[in-house]
Amino acid sequence: MKKIAAKTVSKGSTIRLLFLLCTIPVLMIVGCASRPDFSQIPSEIARDPTVAAPYRIENGDTLLVKFPYTDRHDEEVIVQPDGLIVLGVTGEVKAAGLTTVELEEAIRSASSKRLRDPQVFVTVKSSAQKVYVGGEVKTAGFVPFRENLTPLQAVFERGGLSSFTII
């Protein structure tokens, strides 16, 4: 009976060894056969989550448009409800939905009809994004929204908690 058990174990070990010898090369071939195509990943997924997306200009934003070599054309403008801004040197330019870099290029292109090799810098002076803080605060009202604004910071920007607040 001991010989039979030994033969069975020996036969089982041989089968396992044979299985491993056949399986490992197959897995190695399959694993090396194809590589994933990362170029097909949508940019929203592939983007690094720690890097913020560039700010997109919105209706109501206040912008500073500077022409460094021709200061007389510098302007502070508010993006109109239709998404346009009006500059003296260019006329109407679509701003809503663009980043500052994209708007700079649009203004540069439009102003090149009147200016030679124009240089333009656009800065968002104030954003139209606001949050309303109400309830048991000293002064209810809107607070300009900014990235990483916490509810507590918004409450303190409106004067803090009222004297009737129970904590």
Protein backbone atom coordinates (compact mmCIF):
# COMPACT_ATOMS: atom_id res chain seq x y z
CA MET A 1 0.00 0.00 0.00
CA LYS A 2 2.89 2.32 0.65
CA LYS A 3 4.24 1.67 -2.86
CA ILE A 4 0.93 2.56 -4.44
CA ALA A 5 0.76 5.81 -2.49
CA ALA A 6 4.32 6.61 -3.48
CA LYS A 7 3.56 5.88 -7.12
CA THR A 8 0.44 8.08 -6.98
CA VAL A 9 2.34 10.98 -5.46
CA SER A 10 5.12 10.51 -7.96
CA LYS A 11 2.66 10.38 -10.83
CA GLY A 12 0.83 13.50 -9.48
CA SER A 13 4.11 15.37 -9.17
CA THR A 14 5.02 14.45 -12.71
CA ILE A 15 1.69 15.71 -13.99
CA ARG A 16 2.07 19.00 -12.09
CA LEU A 17 5.59 19.47 -13.36
CA LEU A 18 4.50 18.74 -16.92
CA PHE A 19 1.59 21.20 -16.52
CA LEU A 20 3.90 23.96 -15.24
CA LEU A 21 6.43 23.36 -18.00
CA CYS A 22 3.69 23.79 -20.61
CA THR A 23 1.85 26.66 -18.93
CA ILE A 24 4.76 28.99 -18.15
CA PRO A 25 6.00 29.33 -21.76
CA VAL A 26 2.44 29.87 -22.98
CA LEU A 27 1.89 32.64 -20.40
CA MET A 28 5.19 34.27 -21.33
CA ILE A 29 4.30 34.27 -25.04
CA VAL A 30 0.80 35.62 -24.42
CA GLY A 31 2.09 38.28 -22.03
CA CYS A 32 4.66 39.57 -24.51
CA ALA A 33 2.49 39.25 -27.59
CA SER A 34 0.51 42.48 -27.29
CA ARG A 35 1.10 45.79 -25.61
CA PRO A 36 -1.72 48.14 -24.61
CA ASP A 37 -2.18 51.24 -26.77
CA PHE A 38 -2.24 54.12 -24.27
CA SER A 39 -2.75 56.68 -27.04
CA GLN A 40 -6.42 55.65 -27.14
CA ILE A 41 -7.07 56.65 -23.51
CA PRO A 42 -9.25 59.77 -23.31
CA SER A 43 -7.34 62.81 -22.10
CA GLU A 44 -9.72 63.31 -19.14
CA ILE A 45 -8.71 59.90 -17.77
CA ALA A 46 -5.03 60.08 -18.68
CA ARG A 47 -4.53 63.53 -17.15
CA ASP A 48 -2.68 63.66 -13.85
CA PRO A 49 -5.34 64.21 -11.14
CA THR A 50 -2.97 66.34 -9.07
CA VAL A 51 -2.67 68.92 -11.85
CA ALA A 52 -5.66 71.27 -12.09
CA ALA A 53 -7.23 71.81 -15.47
CA PRO A 54 -6.65 75.28 -16.91
CA TYR A 55 -9.31 77.83 -15.97
CA ARG A 56 -11.94 78.46 -18.62
CA ILE A 57 -13.20 82.03 -18.85
CA GLU A 58 -16.90 82.49 -18.06
CA ASN A 59 -19.53 85.16 -18.62
CA GLY A 60 -19.15 87.87 -15.97
CA ASP A 61 -15.40 87.36 -15.42
CA THR A 62 -13.30 90.53 -15.21
CA LEU A 63 -10.20 90.33 -17.40
CA LEU A 64 -7.07 92.47 -17.67
CA VAL A 65 -5.83 92.64 -21.25
CA LYS A 66 -2.32 94.09 -21.50
CA PHE A 67 -0.30 95.01 -24.56
CA PRO A 68 3.21 95.43 -23.09
CA TYR A 69 4.66 97.51 -25.93
CA THR A 70 1.58 99.68 -26.50
CA ASP A 71 0.20 100.53 -23.07
CA ARG A 72 -2.54 102.78 -24.44
CA HIS A 73 -4.39 99.65 -25.63
CA ASP A 74 -4.46 98.02 -22.16
CA GLU A 75 -8.01 97.44 -20.95
CA GLU A 76 -10.00 95.92 -18.11
CA VAL A 77 -13.10 94.25 -19.53
CA ILE A 78 -16.01 92.15 -18.28
CA VAL A 79 -17.09 89.13 -20.32
CA GLN A 80 -20.59 89.91 -21.57
CA PRO A 81 -23.56 87.52 -21.22
CA ASP A 82 -23.06 86.46 -24.85
CA GLY A 83 -19.45 85.44 -24.06
CA LEU A 84 -17.81 88.30 -25.96
CA ILE A 85 -15.43 91.04 -24.88
CA VAL A 86 -15.01 94.31 -26.74
CA LEU A 87 -11.54 95.83 -27.08
CA GLY A 88 -10.72 99.12 -28.75
CA VAL A 89 -7.99 97.60 -30.89
CA THR A 90 -9.87 94.45 -31.98
CA GLY A 91 -13.58 94.97 -31.59
CA GLU A 92 -15.56 91.92 -30.41
CA VAL A 93 -13.67 88.76 -29.48
CA LYS A 94 -15.19 85.52 -28.15
CA ALA A 95 -13.80 84.89 -24.65
CA ALA A 96 -16.17 82.56 -22.78
CA GLY A 97 -15.03 78.95 -22.78
CA LEU A 98 -11.41 79.78 -23.66
CA THR A 99 -8.34 79.59 -21.46
CA THR A 100 -6.26 82.76 -21.04
CA VAL A 101 -3.65 81.38 -23.45
CA GLU A 102 -6.31 80.67 -26.10
CA LEU A 103 -7.79 84.15 -25.64
CA GLU A 104 -4.34 85.75 -25.92
CA GLU A 105 -3.90 84.02 -29.28
CA ALA A 106 -7.36 85.15 -30.48
CA ILE A 107 -6.63 88.77 -29.47
CA ARG A 108 -3.15 88.61 -31.02
CA SER A 109 -4.66 87.41 -34.29
CA ALA A 110 -7.44 90.02 -34.29
CA SER A 111 -5.15 92.92 -33.31
CA SER A 112 -2.49 92.09 -35.91
CA LYS A 113 -4.64 93.97 -38.46
CA ARG A 114 -3.90 97.24 -36.61
CA LEU A 115 -0.69 96.47 -34.69
CA ARG A 116 2.61 95.12 -35.95
CA ASP A 117 3.64 91.89 -34.16
CA PRO A 118 1.35 92.44 -31.14
CA GLN A 119 2.18 90.92 -27.77
CA VAL A 120 -0.81 90.28 -25.50
CA PHE A 121 -1.23 89.05 -21.93
CA VAL A 122 -4.62 88.19 -20.42
CA THR A 123 -5.19 87.82 -16.69
CA VAL A 124 -8.41 86.90 -14.89
CA LYS A 125 -8.80 89.70 -12.34
CA SER A 126 -11.94 88.27 -10.77
CA SER A 127 -14.05 85.23 -11.48
CA ALA A 128 -17.81 85.29 -11.85
CA GLN A 129 -18.01 82.04 -9.87
CA LYS A 130 -19.55 82.75 -6.48
CA VAL A 131 -21.11 80.73 -3.68
CA TYR A 132 -23.86 81.95 -1.38
CA VAL A 133 -23.31 81.73 2.38
CA GLY A 134 -26.46 82.03 4.46
CA GLY A 135 -28.01 80.86 7.70
CA GLU A 136 -26.44 81.57 11.06
CA VAL A 137 -23.66 83.84 9.80
CA LYS A 138 -23.15 87.49 10.69
CA THR A 139 -23.68 88.73 7.13
CA ALA A 140 -25.26 86.45 4.53
CA GLY A 141 -24.12 86.94 0.96
CA PHE A 142 -21.96 85.80 -1.92
CA VAL A 143 -18.31 84.83 -1.61
CA PRO A 144 -16.04 84.61 -4.67
CA PHE A 145 -15.34 80.95 -5.32
CA ARG A 146 -11.74 79.80 -5.57
CA GLU A 147 -10.17 76.38 -5.71
CA ASN A 148 -9.88 74.65 -2.32
CA LEU A 149 -12.31 77.09 -0.63
CA THR A 150 -13.66 75.32 2.45
CA PRO A 151 -17.12 75.97 3.93
CA LEU A 152 -15.51 77.32 7.10
CA GLN A 153 -13.41 79.80 5.11
CA ALA A 154 -16.55 80.96 3.29
CA VAL A 155 -18.36 81.47 6.63
CA PHE A 156 -15.47 83.53 8.01
CA GLU A 157 -15.35 85.64 4.84
CA ARG A 158 -18.96 86.62 5.65
CA GLY A 159 -18.03 87.72 9.17
CA GLY A 160 -18.13 84.40 10.99
CA LEU A 161 -20.96 82.77 12.93
CA SER A 162 -23.75 84.90 14.38
CA SER A 163 -24.06 85.31 18.16
CA PHE A 164 -27.19 83.12 18.10
CA THR A 165 -25.40 80.08 16.68
CA ILE A 166 -25.41 77.01 18.91
CA ILE A 167 -22.38 74.84 18.40
